[in-house]
Amino acid sequence: MPLMKEVQVFYADYSRPDGFCDEAWKAVYRYVFALANGANGWYFDDRIDPKHNGVAICSRNDGLRPVIMKIERTDEDAA
């Protein structure tokens, strides 16, 4: 049974939100933290989109159950 569902929304800044897959968090937490702290570029701009400040696209490290995640900076507070 999958832990995450399509089109779920989570708010986070540095800690894993409730209900977010542990393995997926390990793959994306550095991007979440970077965006939450104002980053606009990453490794030659290949992960954080330089055309859309505050957006990163990354995936879970599982070739059998790939999950692509769009991470966006918002003005919402993390719960």
N, C-alpha and C. Protein backbone atom coordinates (compact mmCIF):
# COMPACT_ATOMS: atom_id res chain seq x y z
N MET A 1 0.84 -1.18 0.00
CA MET A 1 0.00 0.00 0.00
C MET A 1 0.89 1.25 0.00
N PRO A 2 0.69 2.15 -0.96
CA PRO A 2 1.53 3.35 -1.02
C PRO A 2 1.28 4.29 0.16
N LEU A 3 2.35 4.90 0.63
CA LEU A 3 2.23 5.84 1.74
C LEU A 3 1.78 7.20 1.25
N MET A 4 2.29 7.61 0.10
CA MET A 4 1.94 8.93 -0.42
C MET A 4 0.94 8.78 -1.56
N LYS A 5 0.11 9.80 -1.71
CA LYS A 5 -0.90 9.80 -2.75
C LYS A 5 -0.63 10.93 -3.73
N GLU A 6 -1.11 10.78 -4.94
CA GLU A 6 -0.94 11.79 -5.97
C GLU A 6 -1.56 13.11 -5.54
N VAL A 7 -0.87 14.18 -5.81
CA VAL A 7 -1.31 15.57 -5.57
C VAL A 7 -1.47 15.89 -4.07
N GLN A 8 -0.72 15.26 -3.21
CA GLN A 8 -0.73 15.63 -1.79
C GLN A 8 0.06 16.91 -1.61
N VAL A 9 -0.31 17.69 -0.61
CA VAL A 9 0.40 18.93 -0.29
C VAL A 9 0.87 18.87 1.15
N PHE A 10 2.16 19.16 1.36
CA PHE A 10 2.74 19.20 2.69
C PHE A 10 3.44 20.53 2.86
N TYR A 11 3.49 21.05 4.08
CA TYR A 11 4.23 22.27 4.39
C TYR A 11 5.34 21.91 5.35
N ALA A 12 6.57 22.31 5.01
CA ALA A 12 7.73 21.97 5.84
C ALA A 12 8.81 23.03 5.68
N ASP A 13 9.70 23.11 6.67
CA ASP A 13 10.86 23.97 6.53
C ASP A 13 12.14 23.20 6.83
N TYR A 14 12.18 22.43 7.88
CA TYR A 14 13.37 21.64 8.18
C TYR A 14 13.06 20.26 8.72
N SER A 15 11.85 20.01 9.19
CA SER A 15 11.53 18.69 9.71
C SER A 15 10.46 18.03 8.86
N ARG A 16 10.49 16.71 8.82
CA ARG A 16 9.57 15.92 8.00
C ARG A 16 8.14 16.13 8.47
N PRO A 17 7.24 16.51 7.56
CA PRO A 17 5.84 16.68 7.96
C PRO A 17 5.18 15.33 8.25
N ASP A 18 4.20 15.32 9.12
CA ASP A 18 3.44 14.10 9.41
C ASP A 18 2.84 13.54 8.12
N GLY A 19 2.97 12.23 7.95
CA GLY A 19 2.41 11.56 6.79
C GLY A 19 3.30 11.54 5.57
N PHE A 20 4.47 12.20 5.65
CA PHE A 20 5.40 12.22 4.53
C PHE A 20 6.31 11.00 4.65
N CYS A 21 6.48 10.28 3.58
CA CYS A 21 7.30 9.07 3.55
C CYS A 21 8.74 9.36 4.00
N ASP A 22 9.27 8.55 4.93
CA ASP A 22 10.63 8.74 5.44
C ASP A 22 11.67 8.72 4.32
N GLU A 23 11.58 7.76 3.42
CA GLU A 23 12.57 7.64 2.34
C GLU A 23 12.46 8.81 1.37
N ALA A 24 11.26 9.26 1.09
CA ALA A 24 11.09 10.42 0.22
C ALA A 24 11.67 11.66 0.89
N TRP A 25 11.47 11.79 2.20
CA TRP A 25 12.02 12.95 2.92
C TRP A 25 13.54 12.97 2.84
N LYS A 26 14.15 11.79 2.95
CA LYS A 26 15.62 11.72 2.85
C LYS A 26 16.11 12.24 1.50
N ALA A 27 15.30 12.03 0.46
CA ALA A 27 15.69 12.46 -0.88
C ALA A 27 15.48 13.95 -1.11
N VAL A 28 14.52 14.57 -0.41
CA VAL A 28 14.16 15.96 -0.74
C VAL A 28 14.44 16.98 0.36
N TYR A 29 14.78 16.55 1.57
CA TYR A 29 14.85 17.50 2.68
C TYR A 29 15.85 18.63 2.41
N ARG A 30 16.95 18.34 1.75
CA ARG A 30 17.95 19.40 1.51
C ARG A 30 17.40 20.48 0.59
N TYR A 31 16.53 20.11 -0.35
CA TYR A 31 15.91 21.10 -1.23
C TYR A 31 14.86 21.91 -0.48
N VAL A 32 14.09 21.24 0.38
CA VAL A 32 13.10 21.93 1.19
C VAL A 32 13.80 22.95 2.09
N PHE A 33 14.85 22.53 2.76
CA PHE A 33 15.59 23.42 3.65
C PHE A 33 16.19 24.59 2.87
N ALA A 34 16.79 24.30 1.70
CA ALA A 34 17.41 25.35 0.90
C ALA A 34 16.37 26.38 0.44
N LEU A 35 15.24 25.91 -0.06
CA LEU A 35 14.20 26.84 -0.50
C LEU A 35 13.62 27.63 0.66
N ALA A 36 13.43 26.97 1.80
CA ALA A 36 12.89 27.66 2.97
C ALA A 36 13.82 28.75 3.46
N ASN A 37 15.10 28.64 3.11
CA ASN A 37 16.08 29.62 3.54
C ASN A 37 16.57 30.52 2.41
N GLY A 38 15.78 30.62 1.34
CA GLY A 38 16.03 31.61 0.31
C GLY A 38 16.85 31.19 -0.89
N ALA A 39 17.21 29.92 -1.03
CA ALA A 39 18.03 29.49 -2.18
C ALA A 39 17.28 29.68 -3.49
N ASN A 40 18.01 30.08 -4.52
CA ASN A 40 17.43 30.21 -5.85
C ASN A 40 18.21 29.40 -6.90
N GLY A 41 19.29 28.76 -6.51
CA GLY A 41 20.07 27.95 -7.44
C GLY A 41 20.68 26.77 -6.71
N TRP A 42 21.02 25.72 -7.43
CA TRP A 42 21.54 24.50 -6.81
C TRP A 42 22.32 23.72 -7.86
N TYR A 43 23.53 23.34 -7.59
CA TYR A 43 24.31 22.52 -8.51
C TYR A 43 24.13 22.96 -9.97
N PHE A 44 24.57 24.13 -10.28
CA PHE A 44 24.49 24.65 -11.64
C PHE A 44 23.04 24.79 -12.11
N ASP A 45 22.14 25.07 -11.19
CA ASP A 45 20.72 25.30 -11.50
C ASP A 45 20.02 24.09 -12.12
N ASP A 46 20.47 22.87 -11.86
CA ASP A 46 19.80 21.72 -12.47
C ASP A 46 18.67 21.14 -11.62
N ARG A 47 18.57 21.52 -10.37
CA ARG A 47 17.50 20.99 -9.51
C ARG A 47 16.48 22.06 -9.15
N ILE A 48 16.96 23.26 -8.87
CA ILE A 48 16.07 24.36 -8.57
C ILE A 48 15.97 25.20 -9.83
N ASP A 49 14.78 25.36 -10.33
CA ASP A 49 14.53 26.00 -11.62
C ASP A 49 14.88 27.48 -11.58
N PRO A 50 15.91 27.91 -12.32
CA PRO A 50 16.32 29.32 -12.27
C PRO A 50 15.29 30.26 -12.91
N LYS A 51 14.41 29.72 -13.75
CA LYS A 51 13.37 30.54 -14.39
C LYS A 51 12.19 30.77 -13.47
N HIS A 52 12.04 29.94 -12.47
CA HIS A 52 10.93 30.02 -11.53
C HIS A 52 11.51 29.99 -10.11
N ASN A 53 11.94 31.13 -9.62
CA ASN A 53 12.55 31.19 -8.29
C ASN A 53 11.65 30.54 -7.25
N GLY A 54 12.25 29.74 -6.38
CA GLY A 54 11.51 29.10 -5.31
C GLY A 54 10.86 27.79 -5.70
N VAL A 55 11.30 27.16 -6.79
CA VAL A 55 10.73 25.88 -7.23
C VAL A 55 11.86 24.87 -7.44
N ALA A 56 11.67 23.65 -6.95
CA ALA A 56 12.61 22.56 -7.18
C ALA A 56 11.83 21.32 -7.60
N ILE A 57 12.41 20.53 -8.49
CA ILE A 57 11.81 19.27 -8.90
C ILE A 57 12.79 18.17 -8.49
N CYS A 58 12.34 17.19 -7.72
CA CYS A 58 13.20 16.08 -7.32
C CYS A 58 12.38 14.81 -7.22
N SER A 59 13.05 13.71 -6.97
CA SER A 59 12.36 12.43 -6.92
C SER A 59 12.87 11.58 -5.77
N ARG A 60 12.05 10.63 -5.42
CA ARG A 60 12.40 9.66 -4.40
C ARG A 60 13.44 8.70 -4.97
N ASN A 61 14.32 8.20 -4.13
CA ASN A 61 15.41 7.31 -4.56
C ASN A 61 14.97 5.86 -4.66
N ASP A 62 13.93 5.58 -5.40
CA ASP A 62 13.43 4.21 -5.51
C ASP A 62 13.01 3.97 -6.95
N GLY A 63 13.81 3.22 -7.69
CA GLY A 63 13.53 2.96 -9.09
C GLY A 63 12.29 2.13 -9.34
N LEU A 64 11.85 1.36 -8.35
CA LEU A 64 10.65 0.52 -8.54
C LEU A 64 9.36 1.29 -8.27
N ARG A 65 9.43 2.31 -7.42
CA ARG A 65 8.24 3.11 -7.09
C ARG A 65 8.60 4.60 -7.19
N PRO A 66 8.86 5.07 -8.41
CA PRO A 66 9.29 6.46 -8.54
C PRO A 66 8.19 7.45 -8.14
N VAL A 67 8.61 8.49 -7.45
CA VAL A 67 7.71 9.57 -7.06
C VAL A 67 8.43 10.87 -7.40
N ILE A 68 7.82 11.69 -8.24
CA ILE A 68 8.38 12.98 -8.61
C ILE A 68 7.70 14.04 -7.75
N MET A 69 8.49 14.92 -7.15
CA MET A 69 7.92 15.94 -6.27
C MET A 69 8.31 17.33 -6.73
N LYS A 70 7.34 18.21 -6.74
CA LYS A 70 7.57 19.63 -7.02
C LYS A 70 7.55 20.33 -5.67
N ILE A 71 8.64 21.00 -5.36
CA ILE A 71 8.77 21.69 -4.08
C ILE A 71 8.74 23.18 -4.38
N GLU A 72 7.85 23.89 -3.72
CA GLU A 72 7.69 25.32 -3.96
C GLU A 72 7.81 26.10 -2.66
N ARG A 73 8.50 27.21 -2.73
CA ARG A 73 8.57 28.13 -1.59
C ARG A 73 7.23 28.84 -1.50
N THR A 74 6.69 28.93 -0.29
CA THR A 74 5.42 29.65 -0.06
C THR A 74 5.58 30.60 1.12
N ASP A 75 4.53 31.33 1.39
CA ASP A 75 4.49 32.18 2.58
C ASP A 75 3.78 31.50 3.74
N GLU A 76 3.36 30.24 3.54
CA GLU A 76 2.67 29.48 4.59
C GLU A 76 3.65 29.05 5.67
N ASP A 77 3.20 29.01 6.90
CA ASP A 77 4.02 28.49 7.99
C ASP A 77 3.96 26.98 8.00
N ALA A 78 5.09 26.35 8.28
CA ALA A 78 5.10 24.88 8.41
C ALA A 78 4.41 24.51 9.71
N ALA A 79 3.65 23.43 9.65
CA ALA A 79 2.90 23.00 10.85
C ALA A 79 3.73 22.05 11.67
